Protein backbone atom coordinates (compact mmCIF):
# COMPACT_ATOMS: atom_id res chain seq x y z
CA MET A 1 -2.99 21.27 21.02
CA LEU A 2 -5.82 18.97 21.07
CA LYS A 3 -9.55 20.03 19.78
CA THR A 4 -12.30 17.60 21.03
CA ALA A 5 -16.22 17.33 20.23
CA ALA A 6 -18.55 15.04 22.25
CA ALA A 7 -22.29 14.48 22.39
CA CYS A 8 -24.20 12.61 24.88
CA LEU A 9 -24.59 9.36 24.64
CA ALA A 10 -27.24 7.04 26.28
CA LEU A 11 -26.28 2.79 27.11
CA ALA A 12 -25.83 0.75 24.40
CA THR A 13 -27.35 -2.51 23.04
CA VAL A 14 -26.51 -5.96 23.64
CA PHE A 15 -24.48 -8.14 21.25
CA VAL A 16 -22.75 -11.13 21.68
CA ALA A 17 -19.53 -12.62 19.96
CA THR A 18 -16.53 -15.36 20.72
CA PRO A 19 -13.20 -14.46 21.88
CA ALA A 20 -9.71 -12.80 20.80
CA HIS A 21 -6.75 -13.61 22.38
CA ALA A 22 -2.99 -13.36 21.81
CA SER A 23 -0.31 -16.42 21.24
CA ALA A 24 0.65 -17.63 24.55
CA PRO A 25 4.73 -17.90 24.18
CA THR A 26 5.20 -20.93 26.76
CA CYS A 27 2.93 -23.05 25.10
CA GLN A 28 0.23 -22.87 28.21
CA PRO A 29 -3.73 -22.58 27.36
CA PRO A 30 -4.18 -18.60 26.26
CA THR A 31 -5.48 -16.52 28.86
CA MET A 32 -8.59 -14.50 26.74
CA ILE A 33 -10.85 -12.14 27.81
CA GLN A 34 -14.83 -14.04 27.20
CA PRO A 35 -17.56 -11.88 25.97
CA ASP A 36 -20.27 -10.54 28.10
CA PRO A 37 -23.74 -11.01 26.64
CA GLY A 38 -25.07 -8.60 28.49
CA ALA A 39 -21.96 -5.73 27.90
CA VAL A 40 -23.17 -2.49 26.91
CA ILE A 41 -21.50 0.70 25.03
CA PRO A 42 -20.42 3.32 27.78
CA PRO A 43 -20.99 6.64 27.50
CA ILE A 44 -17.46 8.04 25.48
CA ASN A 45 -15.31 8.88 27.78
CA GLY A 46 -13.72 12.52 26.70
CA ALA A 47 -11.13 12.92 29.63
CA ALA A 48 -9.60 9.45 28.66
CA LEU A 49 -9.50 9.63 24.95
CA SER A 50 -7.86 13.25 25.27
CA ARG A 51 -5.42 11.92 27.84
CA ALA A 52 -4.43 9.13 25.10
CA ILE A 53 -3.58 11.55 22.30
CA GLY A 54 -2.53 15.32 24.34
CA ASP A 55 0.73 15.00 25.29
CA LEU A 56 2.02 14.50 21.41
CA PRO A 57 4.26 14.99 19.91
CA ALA A 58 6.28 12.70 21.91
CA ALA A 59 9.21 9.91 21.77
CA ASP A 60 6.66 7.67 20.37
CA ALA A 61 4.81 9.44 18.09
CA THR A 62 4.34 12.72 16.51
CA ALA A 63 0.61 13.38 16.17
CA ALA A 64 -2.62 11.82 16.09
CA VAL A 65 -5.60 12.04 14.91
CA VAL A 66 -8.97 9.97 16.66
CA ARG A 67 -12.52 9.69 15.38
CA VAL A 68 -15.09 8.16 17.60
CA GLY A 69 -18.36 7.78 16.89
CA GLY A 70 -22.11 5.43 15.68
CA THR A 71 -25.22 5.42 17.22
CA LYS A 72 -25.06 6.66 20.84
CA GLY A 73 -22.65 9.81 20.35
CA SER A 74 -19.12 11.10 18.85
CA TRP A 75 -15.75 12.82 19.58
CA ARG A 76 -13.36 13.97 17.38
CA GLY A 77 -9.45 14.36 18.89
CA VAL A 78 -6.11 15.86 17.07
CA SER A 79 -2.75 16.24 18.40
CA GLY A 80 0.74 16.65 17.70
CA VAL A 81 2.82 18.50 14.74
CA ALA A 82 2.35 17.62 11.34
CA ASP A 83 5.97 18.54 10.27
CA LEU A 84 8.83 18.37 12.37
CA ALA A 85 10.92 20.70 10.80
CA THR A 86 8.16 23.70 11.04
CA GLY A 87 6.59 22.51 14.18
CA ARG A 88 2.99 23.37 11.87
CA ALA A 89 -0.05 21.97 14.11
CA ALA A 90 -1.45 18.64 13.43
CA SER A 91 -4.83 19.01 11.33
CA GLU A 92 -8.15 16.12 11.53
CA HIS A 93 -8.24 16.40 7.77
CA VAL A 94 -5.26 14.59 6.39
CA ARG A 95 -4.82 11.99 4.52
CA PHE A 96 -2.08 9.30 5.75
CA ARG A 97 -0.98 5.49 4.53
CA ALA A 98 -3.46 3.14 5.65
CA GLY A 99 -1.31 0.32 5.86
CA SER A 100 -3.35 -3.28 6.07
CA VAL A 101 -6.69 -1.96 6.61
CA THR A 102 -6.69 -2.27 3.16
CA LYS A 103 -7.54 -5.63 3.20
CA MET A 104 -10.86 -4.61 3.96
CA PHE A 105 -11.12 -3.27 0.99
CA THR A 106 -9.66 -5.96 -1.16
CA THR A 107 -11.66 -8.95 0.51
CA ALA A 108 -15.32 -6.67 0.17
CA VAL A 109 -14.23 -6.40 -3.43
CA VAL A 110 -13.99 -10.65 -3.64
CA LEU A 111 -17.23 -10.83 -1.64
CA GLN A 112 -19.03 -8.62 -4.14
CA LEU A 113 -17.82 -11.08 -7.11
CA VAL A 114 -19.73 -13.69 -5.19
CA ALA A 115 -22.37 -12.18 -4.51
CA GLU A 116 -22.37 -11.15 -8.27
CA GLY A 117 -22.13 -14.83 -9.13
CA ARG A 118 -18.75 -14.45 -11.17
CA LEU A 119 -16.75 -16.15 -7.95
CA SER A 120 -17.07 -18.55 -5.20
CA LEU A 121 -15.21 -19.03 -2.07
CA GLY A 122 -15.08 -22.49 -2.64
CA ASP A 123 -13.44 -22.23 -6.02
CA THR A 124 -9.50 -22.53 -6.26
CA VAL A 125 -6.77 -20.11 -7.00
CA GLN A 126 -5.48 -22.68 -9.47
CA ASP A 127 -9.09 -22.91 -11.84
CA HIS A 128 -8.76 -19.42 -11.89
CA LEU A 129 -5.09 -18.09 -12.08
CA PRO A 130 -3.53 -21.43 -13.83
CA GLY A 131 0.38 -21.67 -13.07
CA LEU A 132 0.92 -18.87 -10.16
CA LEU A 133 1.16 -21.19 -7.87
CA PRO A 134 4.01 -24.21 -8.32
CA ALA A 135 2.26 -27.53 -9.45
CA SER A 136 3.22 -29.16 -6.37
CA TYR A 137 1.03 -26.91 -4.14
CA PRO A 138 -2.35 -28.65 -3.37
CA GLU A 139 -5.46 -26.69 -4.26
CA ILE A 140 -6.03 -23.32 -2.32
CA GLN A 141 -9.53 -21.66 -1.95
CA VAL A 142 -10.50 -18.64 -2.58
CA GLY A 143 -12.40 -18.74 0.42
CA GLN A 144 -8.54 -19.48 1.99
CA LEU A 145 -7.27 -16.28 0.99
CA LEU A 146 -9.34 -14.63 3.00
CA ASN A 147 -8.78 -15.54 6.04
CA HIS A 148 -5.51 -16.39 5.94
CA THR A 149 -5.82 -19.99 5.72
CA SER A 150 -4.72 -20.80 2.66
CA GLY A 151 -0.82 -22.21 3.66
CA LEU A 152 0.65 -19.88 1.73
CA PRO A 153 4.17 -18.33 2.45
CA ALA A 154 5.55 -15.55 2.25
CA PRO A 155 9.19 -13.83 0.34
CA ASP A 156 12.09 -14.51 1.91
CA LEU A 157 13.35 -10.99 2.23
CA PRO A 158 16.28 -9.27 4.55
CA ASP A 159 15.48 -8.69 8.22
CA GLY A 160 15.58 -5.12 9.78
CA PHE A 161 14.68 -1.53 8.68
CA GLY A 162 17.82 -0.58 6.95
CA TYR A 163 16.86 -3.22 4.03
CA VAL A 164 13.32 -1.36 4.19
CA TYR A 165 14.76 2.20 3.63
CA GLU A 166 17.43 0.96 1.32
CA THR A 167 14.49 -0.06 -1.05
CA ARG A 168 12.17 2.34 -0.12
CA PHE A 169 11.13 3.73 -3.54
CA LYS A 170 11.44 -0.11 -5.40
CA LYS A 171 8.69 -0.50 -7.42
CA TRP A 172 7.20 -4.24 -7.54
CA THR A 173 4.97 -6.14 -9.17
CA PRO A 174 2.24 -8.74 -7.88
CA ARG A 175 3.32 -11.08 -9.76
CA GLU A 176 6.99 -10.53 -8.73
CA TYR A 177 6.26 -10.50 -5.13
CA VAL A 178 4.06 -13.65 -5.65
CA ALA A 179 6.88 -15.48 -7.18
CA LEU A 180 9.22 -14.83 -5.26
CA ALA A 181 6.79 -16.23 -2.19
CA VAL A 182 6.12 -19.26 -4.14
CA ARG A 183 9.57 -20.35 -4.01
CA ASN A 184 9.45 -21.70 -0.19
CA PRO A 185 7.06 -25.02 0.49
CA ILE A 186 3.68 -24.36 1.24
CA GLU A 187 3.21 -24.22 4.97
CA PHE A 188 0.25 -26.13 6.00
CA ALA A 189 -2.11 -28.43 4.34
CA PRO A 190 -4.84 -25.50 3.47
CA GLY A 191 -7.95 -24.94 5.67
CA THR A 192 -6.02 -26.54 8.54
CA ARG A 193 -3.90 -23.46 10.41
CA GLN A 194 -4.01 -19.56 10.00
CA HIS A 195 -1.25 -17.42 9.15
CA TYR A 196 -1.33 -13.37 8.37
CA LEU A 197 0.36 -12.60 5.75
CA ASN A 198 0.13 -10.14 2.72
CA ILE A 199 0.77 -13.33 0.00
CA ASN A 200 -3.24 -14.29 0.41
CA THR A 201 -4.38 -10.51 -0.25
CA PHE A 202 -1.89 -10.08 -2.90
CA VAL A 203 -3.86 -13.13 -5.11
CA ALA A 204 -6.99 -12.19 -3.96
CA GLY A 205 -6.38 -8.98 -6.13
CA LEU A 206 -4.44 -11.27 -8.82
CA LEU A 207 -7.56 -12.84 -8.65
CA ILE A 208 -9.67 -9.78 -9.10
CA GLU A 209 -8.17 -8.39 -11.88
CA ARG A 210 -8.44 -11.68 -13.40
CA VAL A 211 -12.30 -11.69 -13.36
CA THR A 212 -13.18 -8.60 -13.55
CA GLY A 213 -10.32 -7.80 -17.01
CA GLU A 214 -9.51 -4.34 -15.46
CA THR A 215 -6.93 -3.42 -12.78
CA TYR A 216 -7.31 -4.03 -9.14
CA GLU A 217 -6.95 -0.05 -8.59
CA HIS A 218 -10.07 0.26 -11.20
CA GLU A 219 -12.23 -2.43 -9.23
CA VAL A 220 -11.79 -0.84 -5.52
CA THR A 221 -12.43 2.79 -6.56
CA ASP A 222 -15.71 1.81 -8.84
CA ARG A 223 -16.98 -0.82 -6.38
CA VAL A 224 -16.20 1.07 -3.24
CA LEU A 225 -14.44 3.94 -2.88
CA ARG A 226 -16.88 5.97 -5.41
CA PRO A 227 -20.33 4.66 -4.29
CA VAL A 228 -19.60 4.96 -0.33
CA GLY A 229 -18.53 9.01 -0.82
CA MET A 230 -14.59 8.27 0.09
CA ARG A 231 -13.62 11.38 -2.23
CA ASP A 232 -9.86 12.03 -0.24
CA SER A 233 -8.98 8.27 -0.55
CA TYR A 234 -7.27 6.33 -3.22
CA LEU A 235 -5.10 3.87 -4.05
CA PRO A 236 -1.48 5.47 -5.24
CA GLY A 237 0.19 2.65 -7.51
CA ALA A 238 3.42 3.22 -8.49
CA SER A 239 3.50 6.95 -6.88
CA THR A 240 5.32 7.27 -3.59
CA ARG A 241 4.04 10.77 -2.65
CA ILE A 242 1.03 11.37 -0.80
CA LYS A 243 -1.42 13.63 -2.58
CA GLY A 244 -2.92 16.96 -0.48
CA PRO A 245 -2.90 17.40 3.09
CA TYR A 246 -0.84 14.66 5.52
CA HIS A 247 1.32 14.45 8.61
CA ARG A 248 4.40 13.55 8.08
CA GLY A 249 5.47 9.79 9.05
CA TYR A 250 8.95 9.07 10.75
CA GLN A 251 10.72 6.08 12.31
CA SER A 252 12.84 6.13 15.36
CA VAL A 253 16.54 5.37 14.27
CA ALA A 254 19.92 4.78 15.35
CA ALA A 255 22.32 7.88 15.58
CA GLY A 256 24.54 7.72 12.42
CA PHE A 257 21.74 6.37 10.43
CA GLU A 258 21.23 7.66 7.37
CA ASN A 259 19.42 11.18 6.62
CA ALA A 260 18.41 10.65 10.18
CA ILE A 261 17.00 13.93 11.89
CA ALA A 262 17.69 14.86 15.70
CA TYR A 263 14.16 14.05 17.50
CA GLY A 264 14.58 14.54 21.34
CA ASP A 265 16.64 12.42 23.20
CA GLY A 266 16.89 10.17 19.93
CA HIS A 267 16.62 10.28 16.28
CA VAL A 268 14.29 10.05 13.27
CA VAL A 269 13.81 9.57 9.47
CA ASP A 270 11.72 10.51 7.31
CA MET A 271 9.71 7.76 5.90
CA THR A 272 6.31 9.53 3.78
CA ARG A 273 7.80 9.38 0.81
CA THR A 274 7.95 5.48 0.14
CA SER A 275 6.45 3.24 -2.68
CA VAL A 276 3.80 0.82 -1.37
CA THR A 277 3.83 -1.79 -4.37
CA SER A 278 5.55 -3.91 -1.98
CA THR A 279 2.03 -4.13 -0.12
CA TRP A 280 -0.40 -3.34 -2.63
CA ALA A 281 -3.60 -4.96 -2.46
CA SER A 282 -2.77 -5.84 1.13
CA GLY A 283 -1.60 -2.31 2.42
CA ASP A 284 -1.52 0.43 -0.10
CA LEU A 285 -4.74 2.44 0.61
CA ILE A 286 -4.22 6.19 1.40
CA SER A 287 -7.17 7.56 3.22
CA THR A 288 -8.72 9.73 5.23
CA ALA A 289 -10.02 9.00 9.18
CA ALA A 290 -13.65 10.93 7.93
CA ASP A 291 -13.79 8.62 4.73
CA LEU A 292 -12.84 5.07 6.89
CA GLU A 293 -15.88 6.08 9.02
CA LYS A 294 -17.71 5.99 6.18
CA PHE A 295 -16.51 2.93 5.25
CA VAL A 296 -16.98 1.02 7.81
CA LYS A 297 -20.54 2.04 8.93
CA ALA A 298 -21.10 1.56 5.09
CA LEU A 299 -19.97 -1.63 5.23
CA PHE A 300 -21.09 -3.10 8.60
CA GLY A 301 -24.98 -1.82 7.27
CA GLY A 302 -24.63 -3.96 4.73
CA LYS A 303 -24.05 -1.24 1.71
CA VAL A 304 -21.01 -2.47 0.98
CA VAL A 305 -21.09 -6.33 0.81
CA PRO A 306 -24.69 -7.27 0.54
CA PRO A 307 -25.91 -9.41 3.75
CA ALA A 308 -25.99 -12.87 2.39
CA GLN A 309 -22.12 -12.39 1.46
CA LEU A 310 -20.81 -10.43 4.40
CA GLU A 311 -20.97 -13.03 6.79
CA PRO A 312 -17.18 -14.27 6.50
CA MET A 313 -16.34 -11.01 7.16
CA PHE A 314 -17.40 -11.41 11.03
CA THR A 315 -16.31 -15.40 10.88
CA VAL A 316 -13.20 -16.70 12.42
CA PRO A 317 -12.95 -20.09 11.18
CA ASP A 318 -12.44 -22.69 13.36
CA VAL A 319 -8.33 -23.35 13.73
CA THR A 320 -5.71 -22.60 15.23
CA MET A 321 -3.14 -20.06 14.58
CA PHE A 322 0.24 -21.16 12.56
CA ASP A 323 2.95 -20.74 15.70
CA GLU A 324 5.10 -22.34 17.90
CA CYS A 325 2.56 -23.66 20.03
CA GLY A 326 0.08 -24.34 17.85
CA ASN A 327 -2.94 -23.78 20.59
CA THR A 328 -3.78 -20.48 20.09
CA PRO A 329 -7.23 -20.64 18.72
CA ALA A 330 -7.21 -18.22 15.33
CA THR A 331 -8.30 -14.72 15.78
CA TYR A 332 -9.05 -13.59 12.30
CA THR A 333 -11.98 -13.21 9.84
CA SER A 334 -12.16 -12.69 6.07
CA GLY A 335 -10.66 -9.36 5.69
CA MET A 336 -10.57 -8.15 9.84
CA THR A 337 -10.15 -9.16 13.25
CA ARG A 338 -12.52 -10.03 16.13
CA MET A 339 -11.39 -8.80 19.39
CA VAL A 340 -12.83 -8.45 22.59
CA LEU A 341 -12.11 -5.54 24.79
CA PRO A 342 -11.92 -5.57 29.22
CA GLY A 343 -16.12 -5.74 30.18
CA GLY A 344 -16.87 -8.34 27.53
CA ILE A 345 -17.19 -5.88 24.34
CA VAL A 346 -16.46 -7.39 21.12
CA ALA A 347 -15.71 -5.37 18.09
CA TYR A 348 -14.59 -6.23 14.84
CA GLY A 349 -11.95 -4.29 12.65
CA LYS A 350 -8.41 -4.21 11.08
CA THR A 351 -5.41 -2.33 12.38
CA GLY A 352 -2.90 -0.87 9.71
CA ALA A 353 0.68 -0.07 9.76
CA ARG A 354 3.17 1.75 7.16
CA TYR A 355 6.28 2.99 8.68
CA GLY A 356 5.26 6.28 10.14
CA TYR A 357 1.68 5.27 10.38
CA ALA A 358 0.27 3.15 12.90
CA ASN A 359 -4.15 2.84 11.90
CA GLY A 360 -7.21 0.96 12.95
CA VAL A 361 -10.43 1.17 11.85
CA GLY A 362 -13.17 -0.88 14.29
CA ALA A 363 -16.70 -0.65 15.16
CA THR A 364 -19.31 -3.14 17.41
CA ARG A 365 -21.22 -5.01 14.65
CA ASP A 366 -24.34 -2.73 15.87
CA LEU A 367 -22.46 0.13 15.10
CA SER A 368 -23.14 1.57 18.24
CA ARG A 369 -19.65 2.73 18.52
CA THR A 370 -17.28 2.81 15.52
CA LEU A 371 -13.37 3.89 16.17
CA VAL A 372 -10.86 5.45 13.24
CA TYR A 373 -7.39 6.28 14.16
CA SER A 374 -3.98 7.30 12.57
CA VAL A 375 -1.07 7.77 14.75
CA ASN A 376 2.17 8.88 13.53
CA SER A 377 4.07 6.60 15.56
CA THR A 378 7.74 6.62 15.38
CA GLY A 379 7.72 2.97 15.92
CA ALA A 380 4.34 1.90 13.64
CA LYS A 381 5.97 -1.67 12.59
CA ASP A 382 7.81 -2.53 15.68
CA SER A 383 7.35 -5.78 17.46
CA GLY A 384 4.57 -6.05 20.38
CA GLN A 385 1.65 -3.92 21.30
CA ASN A 386 1.66 -0.58 19.95
CA GLN A 387 1.11 1.26 23.73
CA ARG A 388 -0.23 4.24 22.23
CA THR A 389 -3.26 3.23 19.94
CA LEU A 390 -3.93 0.49 22.95
CA GLY A 391 -4.65 3.57 25.13
CA VAL A 392 -6.43 5.05 22.11
CA VAL A 393 -8.81 2.14 21.56
CA LEU A 394 -9.12 1.18 25.21
CA ALA A 395 -10.50 4.52 25.89
CA SER A 396 -12.86 4.33 22.86
CA PHE A 397 -15.12 1.14 23.99
CA SER A 398 -14.48 1.69 27.94
């Protein structure tokens, strides 16, 4: 089932940025698409968008919601089923687990505190949160948390989906997560490399609480969700449920896996109910496509973070990624990723995945094109590029 609404578009304006690219495992200089200063946003390709999601449910995904907008027109699409047991049709107006899209909100609140003079990007974690990090660690600046150049390590947790499923209702505290992570040594001198890890926004969340005297959930709600009018978005805390209408999220598993459901030629397990305390300020937001579209427009328009403090969200640090090759330039800004798409079009945004939910928010900086999608992927957190969501992105910007 596919519902769409398209509008006529004019040609987009010109914009410039620097490239993003993928790691090169052979340690050769990475191949990248160069930004084109003359690139223009094409008319919305409704047919390509329809093809990207119109065959659902399929082996790789059970449902999808796509919302394309901006100054050049709009398109809406929904496809698939909300629930495999009933076959009920998918709906545009559903909540979903936004995953790491949450990092945009955490970053925005920190930058608001900078604008208010209550923090500086040059302040150190050790000054504001004494005792949180080992004494052996070097000083880590607030700005290095936001752009993932802190060198903080991830916690050692068992690999594989089996552990995730067994502990899906476990309730973590933020300090418990951080304490487990910092048993490991610092990965690199702060500010010299980039490694995208949840630990950075966990510490940023604790920083928000220390500076404001309020909970992280209160600050995001009061400072962002309510002012932007995101009435269907919330932070669930320890609750494992999604309030209101939603699509169920499923993960592919082997036959014989606990509670597995036969699906097509394989099996899936329902991951709709799960604790998000293991991602907290890095990935616990529950939202809708319409609400996230409101957010990206308000954020890019300087209505969430004052323009003077917003620039870090569009700035990639001049360092390399922390990988085996050491020659891949950084791609993450503070809270987002910079992407150069085919044709040289530059966009900024954030993807986010929880088991059963693969999501993304993106836009050109001038808001001539915006995109929000939520795909109920059966392999949302599998390694490698999710081909379904890649198809949605390419159809939205080309």
